[in-house]
Amino acid sequence: MKKDHHITVPFSSPPPPKDALYKFKFEKPEQVKLIGSYGLKASSKHSEGFAIDVSVRMPNVHSLKIYC
């Protein structure tokens, strides 16, 4: 994703240690909606670009496994 779309996933500082005993898994969102003024075509352009409000519903995490 980073190379093709210039998207990175931020981590807190300091990042998790390399020898951490847990794993990360990325799931596809169940639903993504544009909300706010951009979706209504009523937004204004800023010097940095547009501000777009997005509502994202993520999948349920009942299958989360913790590795100890």
N, C-alpha and C. Protein backbone atom coordinates (compact mmCIF):
# COMPACT_ATOMS: atom_id res chain seq x y z
N MET A 1 0.82 -1.19 0.00
CA MET A 1 0.00 0.00 0.00
C MET A 1 0.86 1.26 0.00
N LYS A 2 1.95 1.25 0.75
CA LYS A 2 2.78 2.45 0.84
C LYS A 2 3.37 2.83 -0.51
N LYS A 3 3.87 1.83 -1.23
CA LYS A 3 4.52 2.11 -2.51
C LYS A 3 3.52 2.56 -3.57
N ASP A 4 2.37 1.88 -3.65
CA ASP A 4 1.40 2.18 -4.69
C ASP A 4 0.54 3.41 -4.40
N HIS A 5 0.12 3.56 -3.13
CA HIS A 5 -0.86 4.59 -2.79
C HIS A 5 -0.36 5.62 -1.79
N HIS A 6 0.89 5.51 -1.36
CA HIS A 6 1.48 6.43 -0.40
C HIS A 6 0.70 6.45 0.92
N ILE A 7 0.23 5.29 1.36
CA ILE A 7 -0.52 5.15 2.60
C ILE A 7 0.37 4.48 3.64
N THR A 8 0.44 5.05 4.82
CA THR A 8 1.19 4.44 5.90
C THR A 8 0.28 4.28 7.11
N VAL A 9 0.60 3.32 7.96
CA VAL A 9 -0.16 3.08 9.19
C VAL A 9 0.65 3.65 10.34
N PRO A 10 0.11 4.67 11.02
CA PRO A 10 0.88 5.27 12.11
C PRO A 10 0.89 4.38 13.36
N PHE A 11 2.00 4.36 14.05
CA PHE A 11 2.13 3.69 15.34
C PHE A 11 2.46 4.74 16.38
N SER A 12 2.15 4.41 17.60
CA SER A 12 2.51 5.32 18.68
C SER A 12 4.03 5.36 18.80
N SER A 13 4.50 6.33 19.52
CA SER A 13 5.94 6.44 19.72
C SER A 13 6.24 6.13 21.17
N PRO A 14 7.05 5.20 21.47
CA PRO A 14 7.85 4.33 20.60
C PRO A 14 7.00 3.22 19.99
N PRO A 15 7.43 2.68 18.84
CA PRO A 15 6.67 1.60 18.21
C PRO A 15 6.80 0.30 19.02
N PRO A 16 5.95 -0.70 18.73
CA PRO A 16 6.05 -1.97 19.44
C PRO A 16 7.42 -2.62 19.22
N PRO A 17 7.94 -3.34 20.20
CA PRO A 17 9.25 -3.99 20.02
C PRO A 17 9.17 -5.10 18.97
N LYS A 18 10.29 -5.39 18.34
CA LYS A 18 10.34 -6.42 17.30
C LYS A 18 10.03 -7.80 17.86
N ASP A 19 10.31 -8.05 19.14
CA ASP A 19 10.08 -9.36 19.73
C ASP A 19 8.75 -9.45 20.47
N ALA A 20 7.80 -8.57 20.15
CA ALA A 20 6.48 -8.58 20.80
C ALA A 20 5.76 -9.90 20.49
N LEU A 21 5.02 -10.41 21.48
CA LEU A 21 4.33 -11.68 21.32
C LEU A 21 2.88 -11.50 20.89
N TYR A 22 2.60 -10.52 20.10
CA TYR A 22 1.26 -10.33 19.55
C TYR A 22 1.38 -9.96 18.09
N LYS A 23 0.30 -10.17 17.38
CA LYS A 23 0.30 -9.94 15.94
C LYS A 23 -0.78 -8.92 15.60
N PHE A 24 -0.58 -8.21 14.51
CA PHE A 24 -1.56 -7.26 14.01
C PHE A 24 -2.20 -7.85 12.77
N LYS A 25 -3.48 -7.58 12.63
CA LYS A 25 -4.21 -8.05 11.46
C LYS A 25 -5.08 -6.90 10.97
N PHE A 26 -5.05 -6.65 9.70
CA PHE A 26 -5.85 -5.59 9.11
C PHE A 26 -7.07 -6.20 8.44
N GLU A 27 -8.22 -5.68 8.76
CA GLU A 27 -9.47 -6.16 8.19
C GLU A 27 -10.06 -5.10 7.26
N LYS A 28 -10.78 -5.55 6.28
CA LYS A 28 -11.47 -4.65 5.37
C LYS A 28 -12.67 -4.03 6.10
N PRO A 29 -12.89 -2.73 5.97
CA PRO A 29 -14.06 -2.12 6.61
C PRO A 29 -15.36 -2.72 6.07
N GLU A 30 -16.38 -2.83 6.95
CA GLU A 30 -17.68 -3.30 6.51
C GLU A 30 -18.40 -2.23 5.69
N GLN A 31 -18.19 -0.96 6.08
CA GLN A 31 -18.90 0.12 5.41
C GLN A 31 -18.07 1.40 5.50
N VAL A 32 -18.03 2.15 4.41
CA VAL A 32 -17.35 3.45 4.37
C VAL A 32 -18.33 4.44 3.76
N LYS A 33 -18.56 5.56 4.47
CA LYS A 33 -19.48 6.59 3.97
C LYS A 33 -18.82 7.95 4.03
N LEU A 34 -19.05 8.75 3.00
CA LEU A 34 -18.67 10.16 3.04
C LEU A 34 -19.76 10.91 3.79
N ILE A 35 -19.36 11.69 4.78
CA ILE A 35 -20.32 12.47 5.55
C ILE A 35 -19.85 13.92 5.58
N GLY A 36 -20.66 14.80 6.07
CA GLY A 36 -20.26 16.19 6.19
C GLY A 36 -20.42 16.97 4.89
N SER A 37 -19.75 18.11 4.83
CA SER A 37 -19.96 19.05 3.73
C SER A 37 -19.43 18.55 2.38
N TYR A 38 -18.38 17.73 2.35
CA TYR A 38 -17.84 17.26 1.08
C TYR A 38 -18.86 16.40 0.33
N GLY A 39 -19.51 15.49 1.07
CA GLY A 39 -20.52 14.63 0.45
C GLY A 39 -21.71 15.41 -0.06
N LEU A 40 -21.97 16.57 0.54
CA LEU A 40 -23.08 17.41 0.10
C LEU A 40 -22.66 18.43 -0.97
N LYS A 41 -21.40 18.36 -1.39
CA LYS A 41 -20.82 19.28 -2.36
C LYS A 41 -20.91 20.73 -1.88
N ALA A 42 -20.69 20.92 -0.58
CA ALA A 42 -20.76 22.25 0.02
C ALA A 42 -19.46 22.61 0.74
N SER A 43 -18.37 21.91 0.43
CA SER A 43 -17.10 22.16 1.12
C SER A 43 -16.32 23.27 0.44
N SER A 44 -15.36 23.81 1.17
CA SER A 44 -14.49 24.84 0.60
C SER A 44 -13.06 24.30 0.56
N LYS A 45 -12.30 24.74 -0.41
CA LYS A 45 -10.92 24.28 -0.56
C LYS A 45 -10.02 25.09 0.35
N HIS A 46 -9.11 24.39 1.04
CA HIS A 46 -8.11 25.01 1.91
C HIS A 46 -6.76 24.99 1.20
N SER A 47 -5.79 25.66 1.76
CA SER A 47 -4.45 25.67 1.16
C SER A 47 -3.84 24.27 1.13
N GLU A 48 -4.25 23.39 2.08
CA GLU A 48 -3.72 22.01 2.12
C GLU A 48 -4.55 21.06 1.27
N GLY A 49 -5.69 21.48 0.77
CA GLY A 49 -6.57 20.60 0.02
C GLY A 49 -7.96 20.64 0.59
N PHE A 50 -8.64 19.49 0.62
CA PHE A 50 -9.99 19.41 1.14
C PHE A 50 -10.00 18.70 2.49
N ALA A 51 -10.97 19.03 3.32
CA ALA A 51 -11.23 18.29 4.55
C ALA A 51 -12.41 17.38 4.26
N ILE A 52 -12.21 16.08 4.36
CA ILE A 52 -13.25 15.12 4.05
C ILE A 52 -13.55 14.31 5.30
N ASP A 53 -14.82 14.31 5.72
CA ASP A 53 -15.24 13.52 6.88
C ASP A 53 -15.70 12.15 6.39
N VAL A 54 -15.18 11.11 7.02
CA VAL A 54 -15.48 9.75 6.61
C VAL A 54 -15.97 8.96 7.83
N SER A 55 -17.03 8.22 7.63
CA SER A 55 -17.55 7.31 8.66
C SER A 55 -17.17 5.90 8.23
N VAL A 56 -16.48 5.16 9.12
CA VAL A 56 -16.01 3.82 8.79
C VAL A 56 -16.52 2.84 9.84
N ARG A 57 -17.18 1.78 9.40
CA ARG A 57 -17.61 0.72 10.32
C ARG A 57 -16.70 -0.48 10.09
N MET A 58 -16.01 -0.88 11.15
CA MET A 58 -15.07 -1.99 11.07
C MET A 58 -15.76 -3.29 11.48
N PRO A 59 -15.23 -4.45 11.06
CA PRO A 59 -15.83 -5.73 11.41
C PRO A 59 -15.74 -6.00 12.91
N ASN A 60 -16.60 -6.87 13.37
CA ASN A 60 -16.60 -7.28 14.77
C ASN A 60 -15.31 -8.02 15.08
N VAL A 61 -14.78 -7.87 16.26
CA VAL A 61 -13.48 -8.46 16.61
C VAL A 61 -13.61 -9.63 17.56
N HIS A 62 -14.71 -10.38 17.50
CA HIS A 62 -14.88 -11.54 18.39
C HIS A 62 -13.86 -12.63 18.11
N SER A 63 -13.28 -12.64 16.93
CA SER A 63 -12.30 -13.66 16.59
C SER A 63 -10.89 -13.26 16.99
N LEU A 64 -10.75 -12.19 17.78
CA LEU A 64 -9.44 -11.72 18.19
C LEU A 64 -8.75 -12.77 19.06
N LYS A 65 -7.52 -13.10 18.71
CA LYS A 65 -6.74 -14.07 19.48
C LYS A 65 -5.57 -13.34 20.13
N ILE A 66 -5.32 -13.67 21.37
CA ILE A 66 -4.20 -13.08 22.08
C ILE A 66 -3.14 -14.15 22.26
N TYR A 67 -1.94 -13.85 21.83
CA TYR A 67 -0.84 -14.79 21.92
C TYR A 67 0.00 -14.46 23.13
N CYS A 68 0.18 -15.43 24.01
CA CYS A 68 0.99 -15.20 25.22
C CYS A 68 2.21 -16.10 25.21
